[in-house]
Amino acid sequence: MFEGGTALMPLDKYPFSEKYGWIQDKYGLSWQIVPSEMDEMMRKGTPEQLARVTKAFLKMKKFDLVKLQKAYKG
């Protein structure tokens, strides 16, 4: 474990994901790890692009960047 933090959802297999984890650090901030490319899409995309990427992502059990890129491009 990590000093002063909490595993909100330990890294494990869940019905919606084969590998997922969610932690909270000692300051109360919650963290999830995502690919940097997806982070960039979500920061720079138009509302329409964000909706498509979100819709595609919610169907995934693991990140598929090719599908996310296609959704982003329309």
Protein backbone atom coordinates (compact mmCIF):
# COMPACT_ATOMS: atom_id res chain seq x y z
CA MET A 1 0.00 0.00 0.00
CA PHE A 2 1.06 3.61 -0.08
CA GLU A 3 1.67 5.76 2.97
CA GLY A 4 -1.33 7.80 4.07
CA GLY A 5 -3.54 6.83 1.14
CA THR A 6 -6.55 4.60 0.64
CA ALA A 7 -7.47 2.15 -2.08
CA LEU A 8 -11.06 3.11 -2.90
CA MET A 9 -11.19 0.24 -5.37
CA PRO A 10 -8.09 -1.97 -5.24
CA LEU A 11 -6.51 -2.90 -8.57
CA ASP A 12 -8.58 -5.91 -9.54
CA LYS A 13 -11.08 -7.31 -12.04
CA TYR A 14 -14.56 -5.74 -11.96
CA PRO A 15 -17.70 -6.37 -14.05
CA PHE A 16 -16.99 -3.22 -16.08
CA SER A 17 -13.21 -3.70 -16.43
CA GLU A 18 -10.67 -6.48 -16.45
CA LYS A 19 -8.16 -4.25 -14.64
CA TYR A 20 -9.23 -1.22 -12.68
CA GLY A 21 -8.03 0.65 -9.64
CA TRP A 22 -8.94 3.85 -7.89
CA ILE A 23 -6.96 5.41 -5.06
CA GLN A 24 -7.16 8.42 -2.81
CA ASP A 25 -3.95 10.04 -1.62
CA LYS A 26 -3.25 11.32 1.88
CA TYR A 27 -4.57 14.75 0.87
CA GLY A 28 -7.97 13.40 -0.18
CA LEU A 29 -7.38 13.61 -3.95
CA SER A 30 -8.69 10.68 -6.00
CA TRP A 31 -6.57 9.24 -8.81
CA GLN A 32 -7.24 7.05 -11.82
CA ILE A 33 -4.69 6.26 -14.50
CA VAL A 34 -5.62 6.95 -18.13
CA PRO A 35 -3.56 7.06 -21.33
CA SER A 36 -2.10 10.52 -21.99
CA GLU A 37 -3.63 10.53 -25.47
CA MET A 38 -7.13 10.13 -24.02
CA ASP A 39 -6.43 12.93 -21.56
CA GLU A 40 -5.44 15.17 -24.47
CA MET A 41 -8.62 14.30 -26.41
CA MET A 42 -10.76 15.12 -23.38
CA ARG A 43 -8.99 18.46 -22.80
CA LYS A 44 -8.96 19.66 -26.42
CA GLY A 45 -12.07 18.13 -27.96
CA THR A 46 -15.27 19.85 -28.99
CA PRO A 47 -18.46 18.92 -27.11
CA GLU A 48 -19.35 16.58 -30.00
CA GLN A 49 -15.94 14.88 -29.89
CA LEU A 50 -16.13 14.50 -26.12
CA ALA A 51 -19.57 12.90 -26.40
CA ARG A 52 -18.34 10.40 -29.00
CA VAL A 53 -15.20 9.50 -27.04
CA THR A 54 -17.18 9.13 -23.82
CA LYS A 55 -19.79 6.93 -25.50
CA ALA A 56 -17.06 4.72 -26.99
CA PHE A 57 -15.10 4.56 -23.73
CA LEU A 58 -18.06 3.54 -21.59
CA LYS A 59 -18.48 0.38 -23.69
CA MET A 60 -14.85 -0.72 -23.17
CA LYS A 61 -13.53 -3.22 -20.64
CA LYS A 62 -10.01 -1.91 -21.34
CA PHE A 63 -8.63 1.09 -23.22
CA ASP A 64 -8.65 0.72 -27.00
CA LEU A 65 -6.88 3.83 -28.29
CA VAL A 66 -7.63 3.03 -31.94
CA LYS A 67 -11.38 3.02 -31.22
CA LEU A 68 -11.07 6.18 -29.13
CA GLN A 69 -9.17 7.93 -31.94
CA LYS A 70 -11.86 6.91 -34.44
CA ALA A 71 -14.58 8.19 -32.14
CA TYR A 72 -12.68 11.45 -31.69
CA LYS A 73 -12.29 11.95 -35.44
CA GLY A 74 -15.93 11.08 -36.07
